[in-house]
Amino acid sequence: MSFRYIDIHSHVNFTAFDADREEVLKRALDAGVAVINVGTQQLTSRRAIELAEQYEKGVYAIVGLHPVHTSKSFHDEKELGEGGKEFTSRSEAFEVTHYRDLAEHPKVVGIGECGLDYYRIESEALRIKQEEAFRAQIELAISVQKPLMLHLRNGSGRSAYKDAFSILNSYFSIHNSSLKGNLHFFAGSIEEATPFLDLGYTFSFTGVITFAKEYQEVIRYLPLTSILSETDAPYVAPAPYRGTRNEPLHVREVVKAIANIRGEEEETVRVQLLQNAEQLFNIKLS
């Protein structure tokens, strides 16, 4: 089986898909859409692997600890998703041995989603906890030679992108060839993107670009070889599916939007984004 698209960041492993998980993945695979399900803590990371094991091709996993799960915090219904009970922060410590065992699974193609989330951060102590977990996952990624899936969110007057770059750059100077990564759901500025370009990192975009214009400048600025497509399902369904639960199949709308924003042929963009994912995650799709 060859694939025409890939959703490099989805959460079909979340409880939002408990009622029809197999059907959702079948729709994607039948349409030539490969899927990477991303973990956010131990439970969802294990579930991402279990899902990948059920399919010979086209379904992969990324494992790690989301920064919001390093401490207890509030999440509204939009973030929880329908029935998303396990996406409740409960102050998990990053257990290196446990995650190393998960990371060495052959269907695991990356570490994350990890990083810094300042949106609701309440104290410097919580920021430090996020940084400690982030550093541990950077070191794990270097050790197992798999790329990082980065979650970076600004807040409280502070740039998570600038802080993350500073942290990553300190490792990059030592581990140049083995510290790769992608900035998931990139919502930063060109100024915040440029240093990561210098590290050779990629940037993925979701269905929000089909209805929000503030992403257009950076999408035009980035080289096409540095862009990836994702859904972040079950969140942020693209037009024309807004208001419904998102799913990996809809990544096709993201690819179409990227092509329209850049003024390039959709087929050219589709092929390049697929190749970008193959290169970053060391997988063969086409």
C-alpha atoms as a PDB file:
ATOM      1  CA  MET A   1       0.000   0.000   0.000  1.00  0.00           C
ATOM      2  CA  SER A   2       1.271   3.474  -0.883  1.00  0.00           C
ATOM      3  CA  PHE A   3       0.039   6.663   0.735  1.00  0.00           C
ATOM      4  CA  ARG A   4      -0.683  10.072  -0.747  1.00  0.00           C
ATOM      5  CA  TYR A   5      -1.002  12.039   2.520  1.00  0.00           C
ATOM      6  CA  ILE A   6       0.071  11.814   6.121  1.00  0.00           C
ATOM      7  CA  ASP A   7      -1.424  13.287   9.265  1.00  0.00           C
ATOM      8  CA  ILE A   8       1.744  13.647  11.330  1.00  0.00           C
ATOM      9  CA  HIS A   9      -0.047  14.605  14.553  1.00  0.00           C
ATOM     10  CA  SER A  10      -3.356  13.058  15.524  1.00  0.00           C
ATOM     11  CA  HIS A  11      -4.944  11.680  18.689  1.00  0.00           C
ATOM     12  CA  VAL A  12      -7.129   8.791  17.603  1.00  0.00           C
ATOM     13  CA  ASN A  13      -5.729   7.215  20.773  1.00  0.00           C
ATOM     14  CA  PHE A  14      -7.903   9.627  22.837  1.00  0.00           C
ATOM     15  CA  THR A  15     -11.250   8.610  24.321  1.00  0.00           C
ATOM     16  CA  ALA A  16     -13.006  10.957  21.902  1.00  0.00           C
ATOM     17  CA  PHE A  17     -12.692   8.067  19.410  1.00  0.00           C
ATOM     18  CA  ASP A  18     -13.728   5.207  21.672  1.00  0.00           C
ATOM     19  CA  ALA A  19     -17.003   4.624  19.835  1.00  0.00           C
ATOM     20  CA  ASP A  20     -15.601   4.402  16.294  1.00  0.00           C
ATOM     21  CA  ARG A  21     -11.792   4.306  16.398  1.00  0.00           C
ATOM     22  CA  GLU A  22     -11.427   1.507  13.817  1.00  0.00           C
ATOM     23  CA  GLU A  23     -13.840   3.183  11.422  1.00  0.00           C
ATOM     24  CA  VAL A  24     -11.965   6.488  11.674  1.00  0.00           C
ATOM     25  CA  LEU A  25      -8.640   4.866  10.856  1.00  0.00           C
ATOM     26  CA  LYS A  26     -10.182   2.795   8.066  1.00  0.00           C
ATOM     27  CA  ARG A  27     -11.538   5.942   6.414  1.00  0.00           C
ATOM     28  CA  ALA A  28      -8.089   7.477   6.503  1.00  0.00           C
ATOM     29  CA  LEU A  29      -6.181   4.431   5.282  1.00  0.00           C
ATOM     30  CA  ASP A  30      -8.682   3.674   2.505  1.00  0.00           C
ATOM     31  CA  ALA A  31      -8.183   7.242   1.238  1.00  0.00           C
ATOM     32  CA  GLY A  32      -4.389   6.891   1.264  1.00  0.00           C
ATOM     33  CA  VAL A  33      -3.839   8.880   4.467  1.00  0.00           C
ATOM     34  CA  ALA A  34      -1.186   7.573   6.866  1.00  0.00           C
ATOM     35  CA  VAL A  35      -1.543   8.511  10.541  1.00  0.00           C
ATOM     36  CA  ILE A  36       0.818   9.201  13.433  1.00  0.00           C
ATOM     37  CA  ASN A  37      -0.966   9.110  16.793  1.00  0.00           C
ATOM     38  CA  VAL A  38       0.765  11.162  19.459  1.00  0.00           C
ATOM     39  CA  GLY A  39       0.887  10.398  23.163  1.00  0.00           C
ATOM     40  CA  THR A  40       0.494  13.002  25.896  1.00  0.00           C
ATOM     41  CA  GLN A  41       1.207  10.886  28.970  1.00  0.00           C
ATOM     42  CA  GLN A  42       1.780   7.204  29.822  1.00  0.00           C
ATOM     43  CA  LEU A  43      -1.771   6.049  29.080  1.00  0.00           C
ATOM     44  CA  THR A  44      -2.165   7.748  25.714  1.00  0.00           C
ATOM     45  CA  SER A  45       1.386   6.867  24.684  1.00  0.00           C
ATOM     46  CA  ARG A  46       0.778   3.167  25.298  1.00  0.00           C
ATOM     47  CA  ARG A  47      -2.533   3.388  23.475  1.00  0.00           C
ATOM     48  CA  ALA A  48      -0.827   4.992  20.452  1.00  0.00           C
ATOM     49  CA  ILE A  49       1.523   2.008  20.243  1.00  0.00           C
ATOM     50  CA  GLU A  50      -1.316  -0.486  20.639  1.00  0.00           C
ATOM     51  CA  LEU A  51      -3.101   1.148  17.720  1.00  0.00           C
ATOM     52  CA  ALA A  52       0.005   1.092  15.525  1.00  0.00           C
ATOM     53  CA  GLU A  53       0.512  -2.593  16.259  1.00  0.00           C
ATOM     54  CA  GLN A  54      -2.905  -3.373  14.776  1.00  0.00           C
ATOM     55  CA  TYR A  55      -1.872  -2.184  11.300  1.00  0.00           C
ATOM     56  CA  GLU A  56       0.920  -3.515   9.132  1.00  0.00           C
ATOM     57  CA  LYS A  57       1.397  -0.169   7.383  1.00  0.00           C
ATOM     58  CA  GLY A  58       0.261   3.418   7.662  1.00  0.00           C
ATOM     59  CA  VAL A  59      -0.255   3.827  11.416  1.00  0.00           C
ATOM     60  CA  TYR A  60       2.585   4.955  13.688  1.00  0.00           C
ATOM     61  CA  ALA A  61       3.062   6.276  17.218  1.00  0.00           C
ATOM     62  CA  ILE A  62       4.907   9.031  19.051  1.00  0.00           C
ATOM     63  CA  VAL A  63       5.345   8.721  22.816  1.00  0.00           C
ATOM     64  CA  GLY A  64       5.981  11.314  25.493  1.00  0.00           C
ATOM     65  CA  LEU A  65       4.745  13.641  28.202  1.00  0.00           C
ATOM     66  CA  HIS A  66       2.832  16.809  27.283  1.00  0.00           C
ATOM     67  CA  PRO A  67       4.013  19.847  29.282  1.00  0.00           C
ATOM     68  CA  VAL A  68       0.568  20.457  30.789  1.00  0.00           C
ATOM     69  CA  HIS A  69       0.677  16.997  32.334  1.00  0.00           C
ATOM     70  CA  THR A  70       3.685  17.853  34.465  1.00  0.00           C
ATOM     71  CA  SER A  71       1.271  19.580  36.865  1.00  0.00           C
ATOM     72  CA  LYS A  72      -2.442  19.656  37.587  1.00  0.00           C
ATOM     73  CA  SER A  73      -4.318  22.292  35.618  1.00  0.00           C
ATOM     74  CA  PHE A  74      -7.758  23.162  34.289  1.00  0.00           C
ATOM     75  CA  HIS A  75      -8.916  22.388  30.763  1.00  0.00           C
ATOM     76  CA  ASP A  76     -12.170  23.522  29.227  1.00  0.00           C
ATOM     77  CA  GLU A  77     -14.438  21.318  27.142  1.00  0.00           C
ATOM     78  CA  LYS A  78     -12.945  22.464  23.856  1.00  0.00           C
ATOM     79  CA  GLU A  79      -9.557  21.204  24.925  1.00  0.00           C
ATOM     80  CA  LEU A  80     -10.903  18.016  26.452  1.00  0.00           C
ATOM     81  CA  GLY A  81     -12.802  17.005  23.364  1.00  0.00           C
ATOM     82  CA  GLU A  82     -15.850  14.774  23.521  1.00  0.00           C
ATOM     83  CA  GLY A  83     -15.304  12.222  26.270  1.00  0.00           C
ATOM     84  CA  GLY A  84     -11.593  13.056  26.546  1.00  0.00           C
ATOM     85  CA  LYS A  85     -11.293  11.965  30.152  1.00  0.00           C
ATOM     86  CA  GLU A  86      -7.628  10.999  30.094  1.00  0.00           C
ATOM     87  CA  PHE A  87      -6.659  14.462  28.881  1.00  0.00           C
ATOM     88  CA  THR A  88      -6.938  15.759  32.448  1.00  0.00           C
ATOM     89  CA  SER A  89      -3.644  16.974  33.868  1.00  0.00           C
ATOM     90  CA  ARG A  90      -2.634  14.972  36.902  1.00  0.00           C
ATOM     91  CA  SER A  91       0.982  15.915  37.546  1.00  0.00           C
ATOM     92  CA  GLU A  92       2.867  13.017  35.968  1.00  0.00           C
ATOM     93  CA  ALA A  93       6.614  12.751  36.503  1.00  0.00           C
ATOM     94  CA  PHE A  94       8.582  11.786  33.416  1.00  0.00           C
ATOM     95  CA  GLU A  95       9.804   8.244  34.065  1.00  0.00           C
ATOM     96  CA  VAL A  96      12.795   7.768  31.781  1.00  0.00           C
ATOM     97  CA  THR A  97      12.903   3.971  32.002  1.00  0.00           C
ATOM     98  CA  HIS A  98       9.200   3.607  31.195  1.00  0.00           C
ATOM     99  CA  TYR A  99       9.306   5.964  28.223  1.00  0.00           C
ATOM    100  CA  ARG A 100      12.561   4.478  26.929  1.00  0.00           C
ATOM    101  CA  ASP A 101      10.868   1.083  26.734  1.00  0.00           C
ATOM    102  CA  LEU A 102       8.028   2.651  24.765  1.00  0.00           C
ATOM    103  CA  ALA A 103      10.364   4.682  22.559  1.00  0.00           C
ATOM    104  CA  GLU A 104      12.309   1.637  21.414  1.00  0.00           C
ATOM    105  CA  HIS A 105       9.212   0.044  19.878  1.00  0.00           C
ATOM    106  CA  PRO A 106       9.684  -0.229  16.079  1.00  0.00           C
ATOM    107  CA  LYS A 107       6.374   1.550  15.364  1.00  0.00           C
ATOM    108  CA  VAL A 108       7.399   4.570  17.463  1.00  0.00           C
ATOM    109  CA  VAL A 109       8.765   7.297  15.183  1.00  0.00           C
ATOM    110  CA  GLY A 110       9.280  10.188  17.605  1.00  0.00           C
ATOM    111  CA  ILE A 111       9.281  11.550  21.142  1.00  0.00           C
ATOM    112  CA  GLY A 112       6.547  13.882  22.393  1.00  0.00           C
ATOM    113  CA  GLU A 113       4.499  15.797  22.362  1.00  0.00           C
ATOM    114  CA  CYS A 114       6.851  17.622  24.646  1.00  0.00           C
ATOM    115  CA  GLY A 115       7.929  21.191  25.201  1.00  0.00           C
ATOM    116  CA  LEU A 116       6.696  24.292  27.013  1.00  0.00           C
ATOM    117  CA  ASP A 117       3.133  25.528  27.484  1.00  0.00           C
ATOM    118  CA  TYR A 118       2.822  28.965  29.099  1.00  0.00           C
ATOM    119  CA  TYR A 119      -0.869  29.483  28.352  1.00  0.00           C
ATOM    120  CA  ARG A 120      -2.063  28.736  31.889  1.00  0.00           C
ATOM    121  CA  ILE A 121       1.208  28.533  33.760  1.00  0.00           C
ATOM    122  CA  GLU A 122       0.776  29.917  37.275  1.00  0.00           C
ATOM    123  CA  SER A 123       4.273  30.009  38.755  1.00  0.00           C
ATOM    124  CA  GLU A 124       7.975  29.789  38.027  1.00  0.00           C
ATOM    125  CA  ALA A 125       8.033  26.436  39.817  1.00  0.00           C
ATOM    126  CA  LEU A 126       5.601  24.996  37.261  1.00  0.00           C
ATOM    127  CA  ARG A 127       7.667  26.376  34.396  1.00  0.00           C
ATOM    128  CA  ILE A 128      10.739  24.685  35.834  1.00  0.00           C
ATOM    129  CA  LYS A 129       8.870  21.368  36.038  1.00  0.00           C
ATOM    130  CA  GLN A 130       7.980  21.687  32.365  1.00  0.00           C
ATOM    131  CA  GLU A 131      11.577  22.456  31.450  1.00  0.00           C
ATOM    132  CA  GLU A 132      12.891  19.476  33.415  1.00  0.00           C
ATOM    133  CA  ALA A 133      10.504  17.100  31.623  1.00  0.00           C
ATOM    134  CA  PHE A 134      11.369  18.727  28.300  1.00  0.00           C
ATOM    135  CA  ARG A 135      15.095  18.262  28.843  1.00  0.00           C
ATOM    136  CA  ALA A 136      14.588  14.622  29.811  1.00  0.00           C
ATOM    137  CA  GLN A 137      12.707  14.000  26.572  1.00  0.00           C
ATOM    138  CA  ILE A 138      15.337  15.779  24.506  1.00  0.00           C
ATOM    139  CA  GLU A 139      17.933  13.468  26.001  1.00  0.00           C
ATOM    140  CA  LEU A 140      15.738  10.445  25.309  1.00  0.00           C
ATOM    141  CA  ALA A 141      15.275  11.526  21.681  1.00  0.00           C
ATOM    142  CA  ILE A 142      19.022  11.853  21.269  1.00  0.00           C
ATOM    143  CA  SER A 143      19.564   8.438  22.842  1.00  0.00           C
ATOM    144  CA  VAL A 144      17.052   6.557  20.665  1.00  0.00           C
ATOM    145  CA  GLN A 145      17.778   8.737  17.612  1.00  0.00           C
ATOM    146  CA  LYS A 146      14.179   9.707  16.960  1.00  0.00           C
ATOM    147  CA  PRO A 147      12.855  13.243  16.354  1.00  0.00           C
ATOM    148  CA  LEU A 148      11.013  15.460  18.808  1.00  0.00           C
ATOM    149  CA  MET A 149       7.356  16.381  18.408  1.00  0.00           C
ATOM    150  CA  LEU A 150       7.294  19.830  19.995  1.00  0.00           C
ATOM    151  CA  HIS A 151       4.358  21.470  21.737  1.00  0.00           C
ATOM    152  CA  LEU A 152       5.131  25.162  22.269  1.00  0.00           C
ATOM    153  CA  ARG A 153       2.545  27.697  23.405  1.00  0.00           C
ATOM    154  CA  ASN A 154       3.192  31.289  24.386  1.00  0.00           C
ATOM    155  CA  GLY A 155       1.565  32.934  27.377  1.00  0.00           C
ATOM    156  CA  SER A 156       2.001  35.177  30.404  1.00  0.00           C
ATOM    157  CA  GLY A 157       4.018  37.584  28.282  1.00  0.00           C
ATOM    158  CA  ARG A 158       6.662  34.954  27.559  1.00  0.00           C
ATOM    159  CA  SER A 159       7.673  33.205  24.330  1.00  0.00           C
ATOM    160  CA  ALA A 160       7.775  29.413  24.645  1.00  0.00           C
ATOM    161  CA  TYR A 161       9.426  29.364  21.225  1.00  0.00           C
ATOM    162  CA  LYS A 162      12.377  31.483  22.278  1.00  0.00           C
ATOM    163  CA  ASP A 163      12.844  29.558  25.523  1.00  0.00           C
ATOM    164  CA  ALA A 164      12.623  26.201  23.746  1.00  0.00           C
ATOM    165  CA  PHE A 165      15.132  27.269  21.119  1.00  0.00           C
ATOM    166  CA  SER A 166      17.591  28.304  23.803  1.00  0.00           C
ATOM    167  CA  ILE A 167      17.244  24.901  25.481  1.00  0.00           C
ATOM    168  CA  LEU A 168      17.476  22.952  22.231  1.00  0.00           C
ATOM    169  CA  ASN A 169      20.405  24.949  20.925  1.00  0.00           C
ATOM    170  CA  SER A 170      22.478  23.990  23.952  1.00  0.00           C
ATOM    171  CA  TYR A 171      22.026  20.321  22.997  1.00  0.00           C
ATOM    172  CA  PHE A 172      22.263  20.911  19.269  1.00  0.00           C
ATOM    173  CA  SER A 173      25.795  22.220  19.504  1.00  0.00           C
ATOM    174  CA  ILE A 174      26.806  18.830  20.885  1.00  0.00           C
ATOM    175  CA  HIS A 175      24.391  16.456  19.097  1.00  0.00           C
ATOM    176  CA  ASN A 176      24.090  18.182  15.734  1.00  0.00           C
ATOM    177  CA  SER A 177      23.257  15.149  13.597  1.00  0.00           C
ATOM    178  CA  SER A 178      20.821  13.380  15.903  1.00  0.00           C
ATOM    179  CA  LEU A 179      18.553  16.083  17.341  1.00  0.00           C
ATOM    180  CA  LYS A 180      15.748  16.546  14.828  1.00  0.00           C
ATOM    181  CA  GLY A 181      12.276  17.862  15.491  1.00  0.00           C
ATOM    182  CA  ASN A 182       8.965  19.314  14.362  1.00  0.00           C
ATOM    183  CA  LEU A 183       7.046  22.277  15.766  1.00  0.00           C
ATOM    184  CA  HIS A 184       3.499  20.950  16.016  1.00  0.00           C
ATOM    185  CA  PHE A 185       0.558  23.344  15.405  1.00  0.00           C
ATOM    186  CA  PHE A 186       2.981  26.203  14.781  1.00  0.00           C
ATOM    187  CA  ALA A 187       1.433  29.499  15.834  1.00  0.00           C
ATOM    188  CA  GLY A 188       4.534  31.638  16.223  1.00  0.00           C
ATOM    189  CA  SER A 189       5.902  34.542  14.245  1.00  0.00           C
ATOM    190  CA  ILE A 190       8.496  34.567  11.475  1.00  0.00           C
ATOM    191  CA  GLU A 191      10.948  35.878  14.063  1.00  0.00           C
ATOM    192  CA  GLU A 192      10.219  32.874  16.289  1.00  0.00           C
ATOM    193  CA  ALA A 193      10.396  30.430  13.368  1.00  0.00           C
ATOM    194  CA  THR A 194      13.723  31.524  11.892  1.00  0.00           C
ATOM    195  CA  PRO A 195      16.075  30.116  14.572  1.00  0.00           C
ATOM    196  CA  PHE A 196      14.401  26.704  14.294  1.00  0.00           C
ATOM    197  CA  LEU A 197      14.877  26.792  10.527  1.00  0.00           C
ATOM    198  CA  ASP A 198      18.579  27.199  11.181  1.00  0.00           C
ATOM    199  CA  LEU A 199      18.440  23.965  13.214  1.00  0.00           C
ATOM    200  CA  GLY A 200      16.774  22.191  10.286  1.00  0.00           C
ATOM    201  CA  TYR A 201      13.460  21.741  12.123  1.00  0.00           C
ATOM    202  CA  THR A 202      10.081  21.428  10.419  1.00  0.00           C
ATOM    203  CA  PHE A 203       6.755  23.138  11.107  1.00  0.00           C
ATOM    204  CA  SER A 204       3.319  21.525  10.913  1.00  0.00           C
ATOM    205  CA  PHE A 205      -0.037  23.215  10.446  1.00  0.00           C
ATOM    206  CA  THR A 206      -3.603  22.182  11.227  1.00  0.00           C
ATOM    207  CA  GLY A 207      -7.066  22.815   9.845  1.00  0.00           C
ATOM    208  CA  VAL A 208      -7.128  26.196  11.557  1.00  0.00           C
ATOM    209  CA  ILE A 209      -5.321  27.583   8.491  1.00  0.00           C
ATOM    210  CA  THR A 210      -8.472  26.964   6.445  1.00  0.00           C
ATOM    211  CA  PHE A 211     -10.319  29.720   8.302  1.00  0.00           C
ATOM    212  CA  ALA A 212      -7.718  31.868  10.152  1.00  0.00           C
ATOM    213  CA  LYS A 213      -5.613  34.263   8.109  1.00  0.00           C
ATOM    214  CA  GLU A 214      -2.894  34.973  10.703  1.00  0.00           C
ATOM    215  CA  TYR A 215      -0.939  31.858   9.632  1.00  0.00           C
ATOM    216  CA  GLN A 216      -0.596  32.860   6.012  1.00  0.00           C
ATOM    217  CA  GLU A 217       2.507  35.035   6.305  1.00  0.00           C
ATOM    218  CA  VAL A 218       4.616  32.371   7.969  1.00  0.00           C
ATOM    219  CA  ILE A 219       3.347  29.627   5.626  1.00  0.00           C
ATOM    220  CA  ARG A 220       4.504  31.703   2.665  1.00  0.00           C
ATOM    221  CA  TYR A 221       7.804  32.469   4.391  1.00  0.00           C
ATOM    222  CA  LEU A 222       8.831  28.901   5.230  1.00  0.00           C
ATOM    223  CA  PRO A 223      10.516  26.722   2.584  1.00  0.00           C
ATOM    224  CA  LEU A 224       8.132  24.035   1.357  1.00  0.00           C
ATOM    225  CA  THR A 225      10.738  21.462   2.429  1.00  0.00           C
ATOM    226  CA  SER A 226      10.189  22.588   6.051  1.00  0.00           C
ATOM    227  CA  ILE A 227       6.397  22.156   6.190  1.00  0.00           C
ATOM    228  CA  LEU A 228       4.309  19.191   7.365  1.00  0.00           C
ATOM    229  CA  SER A 229       0.552  18.555   7.546  1.00  0.00           C
ATOM    230  CA  GLU A 230      -1.457  17.528  10.613  1.00  0.00           C
ATOM    231  CA  THR A 231      -4.968  17.584  12.047  1.00  0.00           C
ATOM    232  CA  ASP A 232      -4.452  17.498  15.850  1.00  0.00           C
ATOM    233  CA  ALA A 233      -7.700  15.490  15.793  1.00  0.00           C
ATOM    234  CA  PRO A 234     -10.113  15.504  17.538  1.00  0.00           C
ATOM    235  CA  TYR A 235      -9.489  19.265  17.730  1.00  0.00           C
ATOM    236  CA  VAL A 236      -9.729  22.167  15.205  1.00  0.00           C
ATOM    237  CA  ALA A 237     -11.599  20.568  12.318  1.00  0.00           C
ATOM    238  CA  PRO A 238     -10.926  22.422   9.047  1.00  0.00           C
ATOM    239  CA  ALA A 239     -13.484  24.091   6.830  1.00  0.00           C
ATOM    240  CA  PRO A 240     -15.880  22.707   5.677  1.00  0.00           C
ATOM    241  CA  TYR A 241     -16.058  20.483   8.787  1.00  0.00           C
ATOM    242  CA  ARG A 242     -15.854  23.167  11.482  1.00  0.00           C
ATOM    243  CA  GLY A 243     -17.896  22.422  14.558  1.00  0.00           C
ATOM    244  CA  THR A 244     -17.524  18.653  14.211  1.00  0.00           C
ATOM    245  CA  ARG A 245     -15.001  16.245  15.669  1.00  0.00           C
ATOM    246  CA  ASN A 246     -11.865  16.320  13.555  1.00  0.00           C
ATOM    247  CA  GLU A 247     -10.251  13.160  12.145  1.00  0.00           C
ATOM    248  CA  PRO A 248      -7.111  12.235  10.158  1.00  0.00           C
ATOM    249  CA  LEU A 249      -8.957  12.025   6.834  1.00  0.00           C
ATOM    250  CA  HIS A 250      -9.364  15.811   6.942  1.00  0.00           C
ATOM    251  CA  VAL A 251      -5.612  16.384   6.597  1.00  0.00           C
ATOM    252  CA  ARG A 252      -6.322  16.574   2.874  1.00  0.00           C
ATOM    253  CA  GLU A 253      -7.981  19.944   3.491  1.00  0.00           C
ATOM    254  CA  VAL A 254      -4.838  21.157   5.271  1.00  0.00           C
ATOM    255  CA  VAL A 255      -2.651  20.217   2.309  1.00  0.00           C
ATOM    256  CA  LYS A 256      -5.054  21.973  -0.043  1.00  0.00           C
ATOM    257  CA  ALA A 257      -4.993  25.108   2.121  1.00  0.00           C
ATOM    258  CA  ILE A 258      -1.192  25.189   2.261  1.00  0.00           C
ATOM    259  CA  ALA A 259      -1.072  25.027  -1.538  1.00  0.00           C
ATOM    260  CA  ASN A 260      -3.656  27.797  -1.895  1.00  0.00           C
ATOM    261  CA  ILE A 261      -1.907  30.076   0.593  1.00  0.00           C
ATOM    262  CA  ARG A 262       1.452  29.610  -1.133  1.00  0.00           C
ATOM    263  CA  GLY A 263      -0.023  29.882  -4.643  1.00  0.00           C
ATOM    264  CA  GLU A 264       1.480  26.529  -5.643  1.00  0.00           C
ATOM    265  CA  GLU A 265       0.102  23.449  -7.362  1.00  0.00           C
ATOM    266  CA  GLU A 266      -1.658  21.192  -4.864  1.00  0.00           C
ATOM    267  CA  GLU A 267       0.024  18.075  -6.273  1.00  0.00           C
ATOM    268  CA  THR A 268       3.468  19.628  -5.907  1.00  0.00           C
ATOM    269  CA  VAL A 269       2.731  20.501  -2.288  1.00  0.00           C
ATOM    270  CA  ARG A 270       1.208  17.089  -1.546  1.00  0.00           C
ATOM    271  CA  VAL A 271       4.248  15.212  -2.847  1.00  0.00           C
ATOM    272  CA  GLN A 272       6.749  17.426  -1.027  1.00  0.00           C
ATOM    273  CA  LEU A 273       4.937  17.252   2.316  1.00  0.00           C
ATOM    274  CA  LEU A 274       4.851  13.469   2.069  1.00  0.00           C
ATOM    275  CA  GLN A 275       8.580  13.388   1.344  1.00  0.00           C
ATOM    276  CA  ASN A 276       9.257  15.756   4.256  1.00  0.00           C
ATOM    277  CA  ALA A 277       7.498  13.358   6.642  1.00  0.00           C
ATOM    278  CA  GLU A 278       9.313  10.334   5.247  1.00  0.00           C
ATOM    279  CA  GLN A 279      12.633  12.050   5.816  1.00  0.00           C
ATOM    280  CA  LEU A 280      11.915  13.334   9.337  1.00  0.00           C
ATOM    281  CA  PHE A 281      10.360  10.148  10.697  1.00  0.00           C
ATOM    282  CA  ASN A 282      12.460   7.666   8.699  1.00  0.00           C
ATOM    283  CA  ILE A 283       9.440   5.929   7.197  1.00  0.00           C
ATOM    284  CA  LYS A 284       8.504   4.890   3.657  1.00  0.00           C
ATOM    285  CA  LEU A 285       5.018   5.876   2.496  1.00  0.00           C
ATOM    286  CA  SER A 286       5.032   6.354  -1.281  1.00  0.00           C
END
